[in-house]
C-alpha atoms as a PDB file:
ATOM      1  CA  MET A   1      -6.190 -12.918   6.376  1.00  0.00           C
ATOM      2  CA  ILE A   2      -2.581 -12.709   5.287  1.00  0.00           C
ATOM      3  CA  TYR A   3      -0.038 -11.536   7.867  1.00  0.00           C
ATOM      4  CA  PHE A   4       3.331 -10.158   6.833  1.00  0.00           C
ATOM      5  CA  ASP A   5       6.680 -10.267   8.507  1.00  0.00           C
ATOM      6  CA  LEU A   6       9.057  -7.362   7.900  1.00  0.00           C
ATOM      7  CA  ASN A   7      11.265  -9.156   5.359  1.00  0.00           C
ATOM      8  CA  THR A   8       8.331 -10.332   3.251  1.00  0.00           C
ATOM      9  CA  ALA A   9       6.676  -6.897   3.271  1.00  0.00           C
ATOM     10  CA  ASN A  10       9.932  -5.147   2.343  1.00  0.00           C
ATOM     11  CA  SER A  11      10.560  -7.629  -0.473  1.00  0.00           C
ATOM     12  CA  LEU A  12       7.300  -6.481  -2.094  1.00  0.00           C
ATOM     13  CA  LEU A  13       8.238  -2.796  -2.128  1.00  0.00           C
ATOM     14  CA  PRO A  14       9.843  -2.671  -5.599  1.00  0.00           C
ATOM     15  CA  TRP A  15       6.644  -4.151  -7.045  1.00  0.00           C
ATOM     16  CA  ILE A  16       4.465  -1.860  -4.891  1.00  0.00           C
ATOM     17  CA  LYS A  17       6.406   1.233  -5.967  1.00  0.00           C
ATOM     18  CA  GLU A  18       5.783   0.350  -9.598  1.00  0.00           C
ATOM     19  CA  LYS A  19       2.071  -0.188  -8.948  1.00  0.00           C
ATOM     20  CA  ILE A  20       1.764   3.174  -7.149  1.00  0.00           C
ATOM     21  CA  LYS A  21       3.511   4.821 -10.108  1.00  0.00           C
ATOM     22  CA  GLU A  22       1.038   3.129 -12.489  1.00  0.00           C
ATOM     23  CA  LEU A  23      -1.898   4.322 -10.366  1.00  0.00           C
ATOM     24  CA  ARG A  24      -0.681   7.904 -10.486  1.00  0.00           C
ATOM     25  CA  GLN A  25      -0.013   7.825 -14.224  1.00  0.00           C
ATOM     26  CA  THR A  26      -3.435   6.362 -14.895  1.00  0.00           C
ATOM     27  CA  ARG A  27      -5.089   8.960 -12.679  1.00  0.00           C
ATOM     28  CA  LEU A  28      -3.411  11.714 -14.719  1.00  0.00           C
ATOM     29  CA  GLN A  29      -4.583  10.084 -17.946  1.00  0.00           C
ATOM     30  CA  ILE A  30      -8.135   9.967 -16.561  1.00  0.00           C
ATOM     31  CA  GLU A  31      -7.999  13.645 -15.620  1.00  0.00           C
ATOM     32  CA  GLU A  32      -6.805  14.531 -19.140  1.00  0.00           C
ATOM     33  CA  ALA A  33      -9.540  12.391 -20.689  1.00  0.00           C
ATOM     34  CA  LEU A  34     -12.117  14.058 -18.467  1.00  0.00           C
ATOM     35  CA  VAL A  35     -11.032  17.527 -19.603  1.00  0.00           C
ATOM     36  CA  LYS A  36     -11.123  16.418 -23.240  1.00  0.00           C
ATOM     37  CA  GLY A  37     -14.444  14.593 -22.847  1.00  0.00           C
ATOM     38  CA  GLU A  38     -12.988  11.266 -24.021  1.00  0.00           C
ATOM     39  CA  LYS A  39     -15.494   8.780 -22.613  1.00  0.00           C
ATOM     40  CA  GLU A  40     -13.726   5.654 -23.871  1.00  0.00           C
ATOM     41  CA  ALA A  41     -10.433   6.769 -22.303  1.00  0.00           C
ATOM     42  CA  LEU A  42     -12.265   7.386 -19.026  1.00  0.00           C
ATOM     43  CA  SER A  43     -13.697   3.878 -19.040  1.00  0.00           C
ATOM     44  CA  GLU A  44     -10.349   2.355 -19.940  1.00  0.00           C
ATOM     45  CA  GLY A  45      -8.628   4.315 -17.167  1.00  0.00           C
ATOM     46  CA  ALA A  46     -11.209   3.247 -14.606  1.00  0.00           C
ATOM     47  CA  ARG A  47     -10.737  -0.404 -15.612  1.00  0.00           C
ATOM     48  CA  LYS A  48      -6.963  -0.046 -15.318  1.00  0.00           C
ATOM     49  CA  ILE A  49      -7.174   1.527 -11.846  1.00  0.00           C
ATOM     50  CA  ASP A  50      -9.547  -1.211 -10.718  1.00  0.00           C
ATOM     51  CA  LYS A  51      -7.121  -3.853 -12.000  1.00  0.00           C
ATOM     52  CA  ILE A  52      -4.115  -2.300 -10.219  1.00  0.00           C
ATOM     53  CA  ILE A  53      -6.006  -1.956  -6.937  1.00  0.00           C
ATOM     54  CA  LYS A  54      -7.143  -5.584  -7.153  1.00  0.00           C
ATOM     55  CA  GLU A  55      -3.556  -6.708  -7.865  1.00  0.00           C
ATOM     56  CA  ILE A  56      -2.327  -4.949  -4.726  1.00  0.00           C
ATOM     57  CA  THR A  57      -5.165  -5.970  -2.426  1.00  0.00           C
ATOM     58  CA  SER A  58      -5.112  -9.586  -3.635  1.00  0.00           C
ATOM     59  CA  GLN A  59      -1.659  -9.803  -2.020  1.00  0.00           C
ATOM     60  CA  GLY A  60      -3.234  -8.915   1.339  1.00  0.00           C
ATOM     61  CA  ILE A  61      -1.980  -5.318   1.282  1.00  0.00           C
ATOM     62  CA  ILE A  62      -4.360  -2.540   2.370  1.00  0.00           C
ATOM     63  CA  ILE A  63      -4.362   0.710   0.402  1.00  0.00           C
ATOM     64  CA  ARG A  64      -5.083   3.541   2.836  1.00  0.00           C
ATOM     65  CA  ASP A  65      -4.433   6.537   0.575  1.00  0.00           C
ATOM     66  CA  PRO A  66      -3.586   5.929  -3.081  1.00  0.00           C
ATOM     67  CA  ASP A  67      -2.761   9.613  -3.680  1.00  0.00           C
ATOM     68  CA  LEU A  68      -0.162   9.734  -0.904  1.00  0.00           C
ATOM     69  CA  GLY A  69       0.840   6.104  -1.434  1.00  0.00           C
ATOM     70  CA  ILE A  70       0.056   5.007   2.132  1.00  0.00           C
ATOM     71  CA  LEU A  71      -0.184   1.229   2.501  1.00  0.00           C
ATOM     72  CA  ASP A  72      -0.570  -1.138   5.432  1.00  0.00           C
ATOM     73  CA  PHE A  73       0.665  -4.708   5.613  1.00  0.00           C
ATOM     74  CA  PRO A  74      -1.288  -6.717   8.215  1.00  0.00           C
ATOM     75  CA  ALA A  75       1.018  -8.129  10.865  1.00  0.00           C
ATOM     76  CA  VAL A  76       1.101  -9.461  14.389  1.00  0.00           C
ATOM     77  CA  ILE A  77       3.320  -7.299  16.585  1.00  0.00           C
ATOM     78  CA  ASN A  78       3.847  -7.907  20.282  1.00  0.00           C
ATOM     79  CA  GLY A  79       1.082 -10.518  20.079  1.00  0.00           C
ATOM     80  CA  ARG A  80      -1.520  -8.030  18.814  1.00  0.00           C
ATOM     81  CA  PRO A  81      -3.028  -7.268  15.400  1.00  0.00           C
ATOM     82  CA  ALA A  82      -1.055  -4.457  13.824  1.00  0.00           C
ATOM     83  CA  TYR A  83       0.162  -3.060  10.534  1.00  0.00           C
ATOM     84  CA  LEU A  84       3.558  -2.558   9.040  1.00  0.00           C
ATOM     85  CA  CYS A  85       3.067   0.881   7.535  1.00  0.00           C
ATOM     86  CA  TRP A  86       4.700   2.316   4.417  1.00  0.00           C
ATOM     87  CA  LYS A  87       4.361   5.633   2.622  1.00  0.00           C
ATOM     88  CA  ASP A  88       5.595   6.250  -0.894  1.00  0.00           C
ATOM     89  CA  GLY A  89       9.001   7.880  -0.773  1.00  0.00           C
ATOM     90  CA  GLU A  90      10.222   5.779   2.138  1.00  0.00           C
ATOM     91  CA  GLU A  91      13.035   3.423   1.130  1.00  0.00           C
ATOM     92  CA  GLU A  92      11.791   0.559   3.280  1.00  0.00           C
ATOM     93  CA  ILE A  93       9.137  -0.210   5.837  1.00  0.00           C
ATOM     94  CA  SER A  94      10.320   1.560   8.963  1.00  0.00           C
ATOM     95  CA  PHE A  95       7.051   2.169  10.803  1.00  0.00           C
ATOM     96  CA  TRP A  96       4.206   0.214  12.343  1.00  0.00           C
ATOM     97  CA  HIS A  97       1.020   0.813  14.331  1.00  0.00           C
ATOM     98  CA  TYR A  98      -1.652  -1.192  16.081  1.00  0.00           C
ATOM     99  CA  THR A  99      -4.880  -1.588  14.140  1.00  0.00           C
ATOM    100  CA  GLU A 100      -6.816   0.875  16.287  1.00  0.00           C
ATOM    101  CA  GLU A 101      -4.179   3.625  16.077  1.00  0.00           C
ATOM    102  CA  GLY A 102      -4.118   4.427  12.384  1.00  0.00           C
ATOM    103  CA  PHE A 103      -1.474   6.398  10.502  1.00  0.00           C
ATOM    104  CA  ALA A 104      -1.271   9.044  13.237  1.00  0.00           C
ATOM    105  CA  GLY A 105      -0.096   6.337  15.652  1.00  0.00           C
ATOM    106  CA  ARG A 106       2.875   5.251  13.523  1.00  0.00           C
ATOM    107  CA  LYS A 107       5.901   4.191  15.509  1.00  0.00           C
ATOM    108  CA  LYS A 108       9.456   3.746  14.243  1.00  0.00           C
ATOM    109  CA  ILE A 109      10.530   0.104  14.103  1.00  0.00           C
ATOM    110  CA  THR A 110      13.283  -0.224  16.697  1.00  0.00           C
ATOM    111  CA  GLY A 111      14.003  -3.918  16.490  1.00  0.00           C
ATOM    112  CA  LYS A 112      12.623  -4.432  19.996  1.00  0.00           C
ATOM    113  CA  GLU A 113       9.175  -5.287  18.643  1.00  0.00           C
ATOM    114  CA  ASP A 114       8.146  -8.903  18.496  1.00  0.00           C
ATOM    115  CA  ILE A 115       7.029  -9.100  14.862  1.00  0.00           C
ATOM    116  CA  LEU A 116       5.624 -12.496  13.969  1.00  0.00           C
ATOM    117  CA  SER A 117       7.933 -14.020  11.384  1.00  0.00           C
ATOM    118  CA  TYR A 118       7.201 -16.715   8.826  1.00  0.00           C
ATOM    119  CA  THR A 119      10.791 -17.334   7.796  1.00  0.00           C
END
């Protein structure tokens, strides 16, 4: 498993934001193709979404909700498995939670956390 430190995860955000934008655009194209009954466009859209999701997850990033743009970056915080948590629209990663807490358990990063760093 890949573990992220805060700097590494934040450095990926410009790329992630573009990928989330591509996912949303492709989803809209699929919905239009569905309404129009364009089977080839549906297949092409599904392949494109699969490719984007694989690109993101191959980096070790977990997609929790592609519609809301909620992503988790596996991390070790305070010596425990955790996630650096980001939601589309946030400028940088400012939240985290332990693995068992989920999105509802998000906590603001205060700087007092011991986030394992690889730099």
